[in-house]
Structures are given as structure tokens and as C-alpha cells.
Amino acid sequence: MARQRGLFTISGTIGDLNFFIMSRKGFVRRAGGEFNGEAIRTQDNMKLVRDNASEFGYCSTSRSRFRRALPPPFFGGLKGRQIHSRLMTLFTQLKVMIS
């Protein structure tokens, strides 16, 4: 994966290159791969991908509701990204323990 350099960064696809921004840094990589939205929605061999995405979505919804239920002082000095990743880890582990 290559880094973008220049006055500005872009996101999208041009030709066979994907440009994207992650953590305020621009990256570029070769386009392609077997995963696309249509294949995931329709193909039988992508059922596991759909199931995993569904479980992750349930964990994300639960995490969001939990976070909104608690007032801000409970989070101390944690920033947004830290809160999200730690709570997602917790709720995914809870899902595994329950099932």
C-alpha cells in the first residue's frame, strides 16, 4: 500500500487504483478483489460473510446504545476512537461468551 503525497489527498477509484483516507493520511492501492456489495448480497458462498456482518452489526448497535446510556464522566479521559474500539472489543467478547 502506497501513501499519497501532495497538496491534497483524494478518495475514490481512478482506473485500476483505489485512493482512500485513513487516520487523516492518504493511501493508494491497486483496485480489485473478489468482494463487492452485489456478490456479498446474492452469492451463496458469501453466506458466512453476511452472517459475520450481521453479528458485528448487532454488537455495534448494542455498543452504541450502551454508550449513549452512560453520561460523559464515566468515560474519563478517553477519546472517541478509544471508546469505540474498547467497547466493540467488550461487546464482541460478550457475544462469544453468550453464544
PDB file of N, CA and C in Angstrom:
ATOM      1  N   MET A   1       0.842  -1.156   0.000  1.00  0.00           N
ATOM      2  CA  MET A   1       0.000   0.000   0.000  1.00  0.00           C
ATOM      3  C   MET A   1       0.899   1.233   0.000  1.00  0.00           C
ATOM      4  N   ALA A   2       0.622   2.128  -0.890  1.00  0.00           N
ATOM      5  CA  ALA A   2       1.443   3.325  -1.024  1.00  0.00           C
ATOM      6  C   ALA A   2       0.751   4.514  -0.361  1.00  0.00           C
ATOM      7  N   ARG A   3       1.521   5.496   0.046  1.00  0.00           N
ATOM      8  CA  ARG A   3       1.000   6.721   0.638  1.00  0.00           C
ATOM      9  C   ARG A   3       0.852   7.787  -0.432  1.00  0.00           C
ATOM     10  N   GLN A   4      -0.170   8.614  -0.283  1.00  0.00           N
ATOM     11  CA  GLN A   4      -0.350   9.755  -1.175  1.00  0.00           C
ATOM     12  C   GLN A   4       0.508  10.903  -0.666  1.00  0.00           C
ATOM     13  N   ARG A   5       1.115  11.607  -1.580  1.00  0.00           N
ATOM     14  CA  ARG A   5       1.885  12.799  -1.224  1.00  0.00           C
ATOM     15  C   ARG A   5       1.447  13.930  -2.129  1.00  0.00           C
ATOM     16  N   GLY A   6       1.379  15.110  -1.597  1.00  0.00           N
ATOM     17  CA  GLY A   6       0.997  16.260  -2.399  1.00  0.00           C
ATOM     18  C   GLY A   6       0.242  17.272  -1.561  1.00  0.00           C
ATOM     19  N   LEU A   7      -0.355  18.240  -2.235  1.00  0.00           N
ATOM     20  CA  LEU A   7      -1.068  19.308  -1.539  1.00  0.00           C
ATOM     21  C   LEU A   7      -2.397  18.842  -0.966  1.00  0.00           C
ATOM     22  N   PHE A   8      -3.023  17.851  -1.586  1.00  0.00           N
ATOM     23  CA  PHE A   8      -4.312  17.370  -1.116  1.00  0.00           C
ATOM     24  C   PHE A   8      -4.379  15.862  -1.323  1.00  0.00           C
ATOM     25  N   THR A   9      -5.282  15.222  -0.597  1.00  0.00           N
ATOM     26  CA  THR A   9      -5.497  13.784  -0.749  1.00  0.00           C
ATOM     27  C   THR A   9      -6.873  13.558  -1.354  1.00  0.00           C
ATOM     28  N   ILE A  10      -7.008  12.496  -2.099  1.00  0.00           N
ATOM     29  CA  ILE A  10      -8.278  12.182  -2.739  1.00  0.00           C
ATOM     30  C   ILE A  10      -8.744  10.808  -2.286  1.00  0.00           C
ATOM     31  N   SER A  11     -10.023  10.557  -2.450  1.00  0.00           N
ATOM     32  CA  SER A  11     -10.562   9.231  -2.187  1.00  0.00           C
ATOM     33  C   SER A  11     -11.452   8.859  -3.361  1.00  0.00           C
ATOM     34  N   GLY A  12     -11.429   7.582  -3.712  1.00  0.00           N
ATOM     35  CA  GLY A  12     -12.200   7.089  -4.842  1.00  0.00           C
ATOM     36  C   GLY A  12     -11.352   6.171  -5.691  1.00  0.00           C
ATOM     37  N   THR A  13     -11.863   5.850  -6.869  1.00  0.00           N
ATOM     38  CA  THR A  13     -11.168   4.945  -7.773  1.00  0.00           C
ATOM     39  C   THR A  13     -10.923   5.641  -9.099  1.00  0.00           C
ATOM     40  N   ILE A  14      -9.708   5.561  -9.567  1.00  0.00           N
ATOM     41  CA  ILE A  14      -9.339   6.070 -10.886  1.00  0.00           C
ATOM     42  C   ILE A  14      -8.617   4.938 -11.599  1.00  0.00           C
ATOM     43  N   GLY A  15      -9.219   4.489 -12.686  1.00  0.00           N
ATOM     44  CA  GLY A  15      -8.618   3.373 -13.417  1.00  0.00           C
ATOM     45  C   GLY A  15      -8.546   2.142 -12.545  1.00  0.00           C
ATOM     46  N   ASP A  16      -7.351   1.604 -12.382  1.00  0.00           N
ATOM     47  CA  ASP A  16      -7.207   0.416 -11.544  1.00  0.00           C
ATOM     48  C   ASP A  16      -6.535   0.739 -10.207  1.00  0.00           C
ATOM     49  N   LEU A  17      -6.719   1.967  -9.719  1.00  0.00           N
ATOM     50  CA  LEU A  17      -6.159   2.379  -8.436  1.00  0.00           C
ATOM     51  C   LEU A  17      -7.260   2.868  -7.503  1.00  0.00           C
ATOM     52  N   ASN A  18      -7.201   2.440  -6.236  1.00  0.00           N
ATOM     53  CA  ASN A  18      -8.116   2.917  -5.203  1.00  0.00           C
ATOM     54  C   ASN A  18      -7.384   3.918  -4.327  1.00  0.00           C
ATOM     55  N   PHE A  19      -7.955   5.088  -4.163  1.00  0.00           N
ATOM     56  CA  PHE A  19      -7.421   6.119  -3.288  1.00  0.00           C
ATOM     57  C   PHE A  19      -8.339   6.208  -2.080  1.00  0.00           C
ATOM     58  N   PHE A  20      -7.779   6.203  -0.868  1.00  0.00           N
ATOM     59  CA  PHE A  20      -8.608   6.319   0.318  1.00  0.00           C
ATOM     60  C   PHE A  20      -7.840   7.030   1.416  1.00  0.00           C
ATOM     61  N   ILE A  21      -8.603   7.511   2.414  1.00  0.00           N
ATOM     62  CA  ILE A  21      -8.031   8.259   3.518  1.00  0.00           C
ATOM     63  C   ILE A  21      -8.311   7.485   4.795  1.00  0.00           C
ATOM     64  N   MET A  22      -7.248   7.262   5.589  1.00  0.00           N
ATOM     65  CA  MET A  22      -7.380   6.539   6.835  1.00  0.00           C
ATOM     66  C   MET A  22      -6.511   7.256   7.876  1.00  0.00           C
ATOM     67  N   SER A  23      -7.128   7.635   8.979  1.00  0.00           N
ATOM     68  CA  SER A  23      -6.436   8.379  10.042  1.00  0.00           C
ATOM     69  C   SER A  23      -5.778   9.643   9.497  1.00  0.00           C
ATOM     70  N   ARG A  24      -6.511  10.355   8.666  1.00  0.00           N
ATOM     71  CA  ARG A  24      -6.079  11.630   8.071  1.00  0.00           C
ATOM     72  C   ARG A  24      -4.871  11.503   7.155  1.00  0.00           C
ATOM     73  N   LYS A  25      -4.557  10.295   6.724  1.00  0.00           N
ATOM     74  CA  LYS A  25      -3.446  10.089   5.799  1.00  0.00           C
ATOM     75  C   LYS A  25      -4.001   9.445   4.536  1.00  0.00           C
ATOM     76  N   GLY A  26      -3.466   9.862   3.393  1.00  0.00           N
ATOM     77  CA  GLY A  26      -3.925   9.333   2.122  1.00  0.00           C
ATOM     78  C   GLY A  26      -3.136   8.099   1.709  1.00  0.00           C
ATOM     79  N   PHE A  27      -3.855   7.086   1.217  1.00  0.00           N
ATOM     80  CA  PHE A  27      -3.236   5.860   0.747  1.00  0.00           C
ATOM     81  C   PHE A  27      -3.766   5.526  -0.636  1.00  0.00           C
ATOM     82  N   VAL A  28      -2.991   4.747  -1.370  1.00  0.00           N
ATOM     83  CA  VAL A  28      -3.420   4.287  -2.683  1.00  0.00           C
ATOM     84  C   VAL A  28      -3.018   2.818  -2.821  1.00  0.00           C
ATOM     85  N   ARG A  29      -3.886   2.039  -3.457  1.00  0.00           N
ATOM     86  CA  ARG A  29      -3.563   0.638  -3.714  1.00  0.00           C
ATOM     87  C   ARG A  29      -4.234   0.204  -5.004  1.00  0.00           C
ATOM     88  N   ARG A  30      -3.816  -0.926  -5.494  1.00  0.00           N
ATOM     89  CA  ARG A  30      -4.373  -1.452  -6.734  1.00  0.00           C
ATOM     90  C   ARG A  30      -5.813  -1.901  -6.505  1.00  0.00           C
ATOM     91  N   ALA A  31      -6.701  -1.579  -7.414  1.00  0.00           N
ATOM     92  CA  ALA A  31      -8.103  -1.953  -7.290  1.00  0.00           C
ATOM     93  C   ALA A  31      -8.272  -3.426  -7.611  1.00  0.00           C
ATOM     94  N   GLY A  32      -9.370  -3.963  -7.159  1.00  0.00           N
ATOM     95  CA  GLY A  32      -9.679  -5.349  -7.466  1.00  0.00           C
ATOM     96  C   GLY A  32      -9.950  -6.141  -6.217  1.00  0.00           C
ATOM     97  N   GLY A  33     -10.283  -7.377  -6.405  1.00  0.00           N
ATOM     98  CA  GLY A  33     -10.613  -8.253  -5.294  1.00  0.00           C
ATOM     99  C   GLY A  33     -11.939  -8.914  -5.553  1.00  0.00           C
ATOM    100  N   GLU A  34     -12.206  -9.946  -4.807  1.00  0.00           N
ATOM    101  CA  GLU A  34     -13.415 -10.707  -5.066  1.00  0.00           C
ATOM    102  C   GLU A  34     -14.627 -10.176  -4.319  1.00  0.00           C
ATOM    103  N   PHE A  35     -14.437  -9.324  -3.342  1.00  0.00           N
ATOM    104  CA  PHE A  35     -15.561  -8.837  -2.567  1.00  0.00           C
ATOM    105  C   PHE A  35     -16.143  -7.569  -3.180  1.00  0.00           C
ATOM    106  N   ASN A  36     -17.415  -7.600  -3.442  1.00  0.00           N
ATOM    107  CA  ASN A  36     -18.153  -6.396  -3.790  1.00  0.00           C
ATOM    108  C   ASN A  36     -19.557  -6.546  -3.220  1.00  0.00           C
ATOM    109  N   GLY A  37     -20.266  -5.475  -3.112  1.00  0.00           N
ATOM    110  CA  GLY A  37     -21.565  -5.487  -2.455  1.00  0.00           C
ATOM    111  C   GLY A  37     -22.559  -6.433  -3.073  1.00  0.00           C
ATOM    112  N   GLU A  38     -22.609  -6.459  -4.389  1.00  0.00           N
ATOM    113  CA  GLU A  38     -23.565  -7.320  -5.079  1.00  0.00           C
ATOM    114  C   GLU A  38     -23.271  -8.797  -4.801  1.00  0.00           C
ATOM    115  N   ALA A  39     -22.008  -9.187  -4.862  1.00  0.00           N
ATOM    116  CA  ALA A  39     -21.636 -10.581  -4.607  1.00  0.00           C
ATOM    117  C   ALA A  39     -21.958 -10.972  -3.168  1.00  0.00           C
ATOM    118  N   ILE A  40     -21.700 -10.098  -2.222  1.00  0.00           N
ATOM    119  CA  ILE A  40     -21.971 -10.409  -0.825  1.00  0.00           C
ATOM    120  C   ILE A  40     -23.463 -10.566  -0.587  1.00  0.00           C
ATOM    121  N   ARG A  41     -24.287  -9.750  -1.220  1.00  0.00           N
ATOM    122  CA  ARG A  41     -25.733  -9.824  -1.036  1.00  0.00           C
ATOM    123  C   ARG A  41     -26.360 -11.038  -1.698  1.00  0.00           C
ATOM    124  N   THR A  42     -25.804 -11.547  -2.793  1.00  0.00           N
ATOM    125  CA  THR A  42     -26.515 -12.547  -3.574  1.00  0.00           C
ATOM    126  C   THR A  42     -25.885 -13.937  -3.614  1.00  0.00           C
ATOM    127  N   GLN A  43     -24.582 -14.065  -3.529  1.00  0.00           N
ATOM    128  CA  GLN A  43     -23.952 -15.364  -3.741  1.00  0.00           C
ATOM    129  C   GLN A  43     -24.042 -16.238  -2.489  1.00  0.00           C
ATOM    130  N   ASP A  44     -24.278 -17.544  -2.730  1.00  0.00           N
ATOM    131  CA  ASP A  44     -24.403 -18.492  -1.630  1.00  0.00           C
ATOM    132  C   ASP A  44     -23.094 -18.678  -0.872  1.00  0.00           C
ATOM    133  N   ASN A  45     -21.970 -18.611  -1.568  1.00  0.00           N
ATOM    134  CA  ASN A  45     -20.692 -18.825  -0.892  1.00  0.00           C
ATOM    135  C   ASN A  45     -20.292 -17.645  -0.010  1.00  0.00           C
ATOM    136  N   MET A  46     -21.065 -16.570  -0.006  1.00  0.00           N
ATOM    137  CA  MET A  46     -20.788 -15.408   0.841  1.00  0.00           C
ATOM    138  C   MET A  46     -21.696 -15.376   2.072  1.00  0.00           C
ATOM    139  N   LYS A  47     -22.386 -16.483   2.350  1.00  0.00           N
ATOM    140  CA  LYS A  47     -23.304 -16.526   3.491  1.00  0.00           C
ATOM    141  C   LYS A  47     -22.572 -16.265   4.804  1.00  0.00           C
ATOM    142  N   LEU A  48     -21.392 -16.824   4.970  1.00  0.00           N
ATOM    143  CA  LEU A  48     -20.616 -16.610   6.195  1.00  0.00           C
ATOM    144  C   LEU A  48     -20.249 -15.135   6.368  1.00  0.00           C
ATOM    145  N   VAL A  49     -19.935 -14.469   5.280  1.00  0.00           N
ATOM    146  CA  VAL A  49     -19.619 -13.039   5.337  1.00  0.00           C
ATOM    147  C   VAL A  49     -20.849 -12.257   5.790  1.00  0.00           C
ATOM    148  N   ARG A  50     -22.019 -12.601   5.242  1.00  0.00           N
ATOM    149  CA  ARG A  50     -23.265 -11.930   5.642  1.00  0.00           C
ATOM    150  C   ARG A  50     -23.562 -12.173   7.119  1.00  0.00           C
ATOM    151  N   ASP A  51     -23.377 -13.407   7.585  1.00  0.00           N
ATOM    152  CA  ASP A  51     -23.636 -13.726   8.990  1.00  0.00           C
ATOM    153  C   ASP A  51     -22.701 -12.962   9.915  1.00  0.00           C
ATOM    154  N   ASN A  52     -21.421 -12.928   9.575  1.00  0.00           N
ATOM    155  CA  ASN A  52     -20.454 -12.198  10.399  1.00  0.00           C
ATOM    156  C   ASN A  52     -20.776 -10.707  10.442  1.00  0.00           C
ATOM    157  N   ALA A  53     -21.153 -10.150   9.301  1.00  0.00           N
ATOM    158  CA  ALA A  53     -21.502  -8.731   9.252  1.00  0.00           C
ATOM    159  C   ALA A  53     -22.744  -8.453  10.095  1.00  0.00           C
ATOM    160  N   SER A  54     -23.692  -9.370  10.080  1.00  0.00           N
ATOM    161  CA  SER A  54     -24.906  -9.211  10.874  1.00  0.00           C
ATOM    162  C   SER A  54     -24.582  -9.237  12.361  1.00  0.00           C
ATOM    163  N   GLU A  55     -23.751 -10.180  12.800  1.00  0.00           N
ATOM    164  CA  GLU A  55     -23.371 -10.248  14.206  1.00  0.00           C
ATOM    165  C   GLU A  55     -22.592  -9.004  14.631  1.00  0.00           C
ATOM    166  N   PHE A  56     -21.704  -8.546  13.771  1.00  0.00           N
ATOM    167  CA  PHE A  56     -20.947  -7.331  14.077  1.00  0.00           C
ATOM    168  C   PHE A  56     -21.888  -6.138  14.178  1.00  0.00           C
ATOM    169  N   GLY A  57     -22.897  -6.087  13.329  1.00  0.00           N
ATOM    170  CA  GLY A  57     -23.874  -5.005  13.380  1.00  0.00           C
ATOM    171  C   GLY A  57     -24.655  -4.998  14.678  1.00  0.00           C
ATOM    172  N   TYR A  58     -25.053  -6.202  15.163  1.00  0.00           N
ATOM    173  CA  TYR A  58     -25.758  -6.284  16.445  1.00  0.00           C
ATOM    174  C   TYR A  58     -24.867  -5.792  17.584  1.00  0.00           C
ATOM    175  N   CYS A  59     -23.594  -6.183  17.565  1.00  0.00           N
ATOM    176  CA  CYS A  59     -22.657  -5.722  18.603  1.00  0.00           C
ATOM    177  C   CYS A  59     -22.490  -4.206  18.541  1.00  0.00           C
ATOM    178  N   SER A  60     -22.421  -3.673  17.348  1.00  0.00           N
ATOM    179  CA  SER A  60     -22.249  -2.238  17.178  1.00  0.00           C
ATOM    180  C   SER A  60     -23.473  -1.467  17.675  1.00  0.00           C
ATOM    181  N   THR A  61     -24.663  -1.992  17.402  1.00  0.00           N
ATOM    182  CA  THR A  61     -25.889  -1.349  17.880  1.00  0.00           C
ATOM    183  C   THR A  61     -25.952  -1.376  19.395  1.00  0.00           C
ATOM    184  N   SER A  62     -25.615  -2.524  19.986  1.00  0.00           N
ATOM    185  CA  SER A  62     -25.613  -2.636  21.454  1.00  0.00           C
ATOM    186  C   SER A  62     -24.601  -1.678  22.065  1.00  0.00           C
ATOM    187  N   ARG A  63     -23.416  -1.594  21.472  1.00  0.00           N
ATOM    188  CA  ARG A  63     -22.376  -0.697  21.959  1.00  0.00           C
ATOM    189  C   ARG A  63     -22.852   0.748  21.911  1.00  0.00           C
ATOM    190  N   SER A  64     -23.496   1.108  20.833  1.00  0.00           N
ATOM    191  CA  SER A  64     -23.962   2.479  20.667  1.00  0.00           C
ATOM    192  C   SER A  64     -25.009   2.837  21.731  1.00  0.00           C
ATOM    193  N   ARG A  65     -25.946   1.925  21.957  1.00  0.00           N
ATOM    194  CA  ARG A  65     -26.982   2.184  22.965  1.00  0.00           C
ATOM    195  C   ARG A  65     -26.380   2.258  24.369  1.00  0.00           C
ATOM    196  N   PHE A  66     -25.424   1.386  24.657  1.00  0.00           N
ATOM    197  CA  PHE A  66     -24.756   1.391  25.961  1.00  0.00           C
ATOM    198  C   PHE A  66     -24.020   2.707  26.180  1.00  0.00           C
ATOM    199  N   ARG A  67     -23.291   3.159  25.163  1.00  0.00           N
ATOM    200  CA  ARG A  67     -22.515   4.390  25.282  1.00  0.00           C
ATOM    201  C   ARG A  67     -23.421   5.597  25.485  1.00  0.00           C
ATOM    202  N   ARG A  68     -24.538   5.629  24.784  1.00  0.00           N
ATOM    203  CA  ARG A  68     -25.464   6.757  24.924  1.00  0.00           C
ATOM    204  C   ARG A  68     -26.163   6.766  26.278  1.00  0.00           C
ATOM    205  N   ALA A  69     -26.296   5.587  26.904  1.00  0.00           N
ATOM    206  CA  ALA A  69     -26.990   5.496  28.188  1.00  0.00           C
ATOM    207  C   ALA A  69     -26.140   6.034  29.330  1.00  0.00           C
ATOM    208  N   LEU A  70     -24.810   6.035  29.168  1.00  0.00           N
ATOM    209  CA  LEU A  70     -23.936   6.499  30.230  1.00  0.00           C
ATOM    210  C   LEU A  70     -23.575   7.970  30.035  1.00  0.00           C
ATOM    211  N   PRO A  71     -23.589   8.741  31.121  1.00  0.00           N
ATOM    212  CA  PRO A  71     -23.176  10.146  30.990  1.00  0.00           C
ATOM    213  C   PRO A  71     -21.669  10.248  30.746  1.00  0.00           C
ATOM    214  N   PRO A  72     -21.197  11.346  30.165  1.00  0.00           N
ATOM    215  CA  PRO A  72     -19.781  11.510  29.809  1.00  0.00           C
ATOM    216  C   PRO A  72     -18.766  11.300  30.929  1.00  0.00           C
ATOM    217  N   PRO A  73     -19.034  11.624  32.204  1.00  0.00           N
ATOM    218  CA  PRO A  73     -17.981  11.429  33.212  1.00  0.00           C
ATOM    219  C   PRO A  73     -17.496   9.979  33.347  1.00  0.00           C
ATOM    220  N   PHE A  74     -18.304   9.000  32.954  1.00  0.00           N
ATOM    221  CA  PHE A  74     -17.908   7.607  33.063  1.00  0.00           C
ATOM    222  C   PHE A  74     -16.751   7.246  32.138  1.00  0.00           C
ATOM    223  N   PHE A  75     -16.548   8.032  31.097  1.00  0.00           N
ATOM    224  CA  PHE A  75     -15.522   7.692  30.123  1.00  0.00           C
ATOM    225  C   PHE A  75     -14.176   8.325  30.444  1.00  0.00           C
ATOM    226  N   GLY A  76     -14.100   9.129  31.503  1.00  0.00           N
ATOM    227  CA  GLY A  76     -12.835   9.718  31.915  1.00  0.00           C
ATOM    228  C   GLY A  76     -12.188  10.513  30.797  1.00  0.00           C
ATOM    229  N   GLY A  77     -10.913  10.248  30.539  1.00  0.00           N
ATOM    230  CA  GLY A  77     -10.181  10.989  29.522  1.00  0.00           C
ATOM    231  C   GLY A  77     -10.112  10.270  28.193  1.00  0.00           C
ATOM    232  N   LEU A  78     -10.951   9.250  27.980  1.00  0.00           N
ATOM    233  CA  LEU A  78     -10.898   8.509  26.718  1.00  0.00           C
ATOM    234  C   LEU A  78     -11.455   9.339  25.579  1.00  0.00           C
ATOM    235  N   LYS A  79     -10.815   9.244  24.443  1.00  0.00           N
ATOM    236  CA  LYS A  79     -11.285   9.953  23.257  1.00  0.00           C
ATOM    237  C   LYS A  79     -12.207   9.035  22.467  1.00  0.00           C
ATOM    238  N   GLY A  80     -12.849   9.585  21.435  1.00  0.00           N
ATOM    239  CA  GLY A  80     -13.853   8.859  20.668  1.00  0.00           C
ATOM    240  C   GLY A  80     -13.389   7.539  20.104  1.00  0.00           C
ATOM    241  N   ARG A  81     -12.218   7.490  19.499  1.00  0.00           N
ATOM    242  CA  ARG A  81     -11.735   6.266  18.872  1.00  0.00           C
ATOM    243  C   ARG A  81     -11.425   5.208  19.922  1.00  0.00           C
ATOM    244  N   GLN A  82     -10.887   5.617  21.056  1.00  0.00           N
ATOM    245  CA  GLN A  82     -10.588   4.673  22.128  1.00  0.00           C
ATOM    246  C   GLN A  82     -11.864   4.069  22.695  1.00  0.00           C
ATOM    247  N   ILE A  83     -12.853   4.906  22.904  1.00  0.00           N
ATOM    248  CA  ILE A  83     -14.131   4.423  23.438  1.00  0.00           C
ATOM    249  C   ILE A  83     -14.725   3.408  22.484  1.00  0.00           C
ATOM    250  N   HIS A  84     -14.758   3.732  21.215  1.00  0.00           N
ATOM    251  CA  HIS A  84     -15.367   2.848  20.228  1.00  0.00           C
ATOM    252  C   HIS A  84     -14.668   1.497  20.189  1.00  0.00           C
ATOM    253  N   SER A  85     -13.350   1.488  20.064  1.00  0.00           N
ATOM    254  CA  SER A  85     -12.646   0.221  19.903  1.00  0.00           C
ATOM    255  C   SER A  85     -12.708  -0.625  21.171  1.00  0.00           C
ATOM    256  N   ARG A  86     -12.594  -0.006  22.323  1.00  0.00           N
ATOM    257  CA  ARG A  86     -12.648  -0.784  23.564  1.00  0.00           C
ATOM    258  C   ARG A  86     -14.036  -1.358  23.817  1.00  0.00           C
ATOM    259  N   LEU A  87     -15.063  -0.559  23.575  1.00  0.00           N
ATOM    260  CA  LEU A  87     -16.414  -1.079  23.773  1.00  0.00           C
ATOM    261  C   LEU A  87     -16.769  -2.139  22.729  1.00  0.00           C
ATOM    262  N   MET A  88     -16.310  -1.974  21.497  1.00  0.00           N
ATOM    263  CA  MET A  88     -16.577  -3.004  20.482  1.00  0.00           C
ATOM    264  C   MET A  88     -15.899  -4.309  20.865  1.00  0.00           C
ATOM    265  N   THR A  89     -14.675  -4.240  21.379  1.00  0.00           N
ATOM    266  CA  THR A  89     -13.984  -5.445  21.843  1.00  0.00           C
ATOM    267  C   THR A  89     -14.780  -6.108  22.960  1.00  0.00           C
ATOM    268  N   LEU A  90     -15.249  -5.318  23.905  1.00  0.00           N
ATOM    269  CA  LEU A  90     -16.015  -5.844  25.022  1.00  0.00           C
ATOM    270  C   LEU A  90     -17.302  -6.519  24.547  1.00  0.00           C
ATOM    271  N   PHE A  91     -18.055  -5.849  23.671  1.00  0.00           N
ATOM    272  CA  PHE A  91     -19.328  -6.398  23.235  1.00  0.00           C
ATOM    273  C   PHE A  91     -19.151  -7.608  22.316  1.00  0.00           C
ATOM    274  N   THR A  92     -18.072  -7.674  21.559  1.00  0.00           N
ATOM    275  CA  THR A  92     -17.817  -8.878  20.736  1.00  0.00           C
ATOM    276  C   THR A  92     -17.463 -10.040  21.654  1.00  0.00           C
ATOM    277  N   GLN A  93     -16.684  -9.789  22.706  1.00  0.00           N
ATOM    278  CA  GLN A  93     -16.367 -10.860  23.652  1.00  0.00           C
ATOM    279  C   GLN A  93     -17.617 -11.325  24.390  1.00  0.00           C
ATOM    280  N   LEU A  94     -18.503 -10.401  24.738  1.00  0.00           N
ATOM    281  CA  LEU A  94     -19.771 -10.778  25.372  1.00  0.00           C
ATOM    282  C   LEU A  94     -20.604 -11.656  24.445  1.00  0.00           C
ATOM    283  N   LYS A  95     -20.624 -11.320  23.164  1.00  0.00           N
ATOM    284  CA  LYS A  95     -21.392 -12.112  22.200  1.00  0.00           C
ATOM    285  C   LYS A  95     -20.852 -13.543  22.137  1.00  0.00           C
ATOM    286  N   VAL A  96     -19.530 -13.684  22.162  1.00  0.00           N
ATOM    287  CA  VAL A  96     -18.929 -15.016  22.106  1.00  0.00           C
ATOM    288  C   VAL A  96     -19.233 -15.791  23.379  1.00  0.00           C
ATOM    289  N   MET A  97     -19.194 -15.124  24.541  1.00  0.00           N
ATOM    290  CA  MET A  97     -19.474 -15.805  25.803  1.00  0.00           C
ATOM    291  C   MET A  97     -20.931 -16.256  25.890  1.00  0.00           C
ATOM    292  N   ILE A  98     -21.837 -15.445  25.373  1.00  0.00           N
ATOM    293  CA  ILE A  98     -23.261 -15.768  25.466  1.00  0.00           C
ATOM    294  C   ILE A  98     -23.644 -16.893  24.514  1.00  0.00           C
ATOM    295  N   SER A  99     -23.076 -16.888  23.314  1.00  0.00           N
ATOM    296  CA  SER A  99     -23.480 -17.901  22.332  1.00  0.00           C
ATOM    297  C   SER A  99     -22.709 -19.180  22.448  1.00  0.00           C
TER     298      SER A  99
END
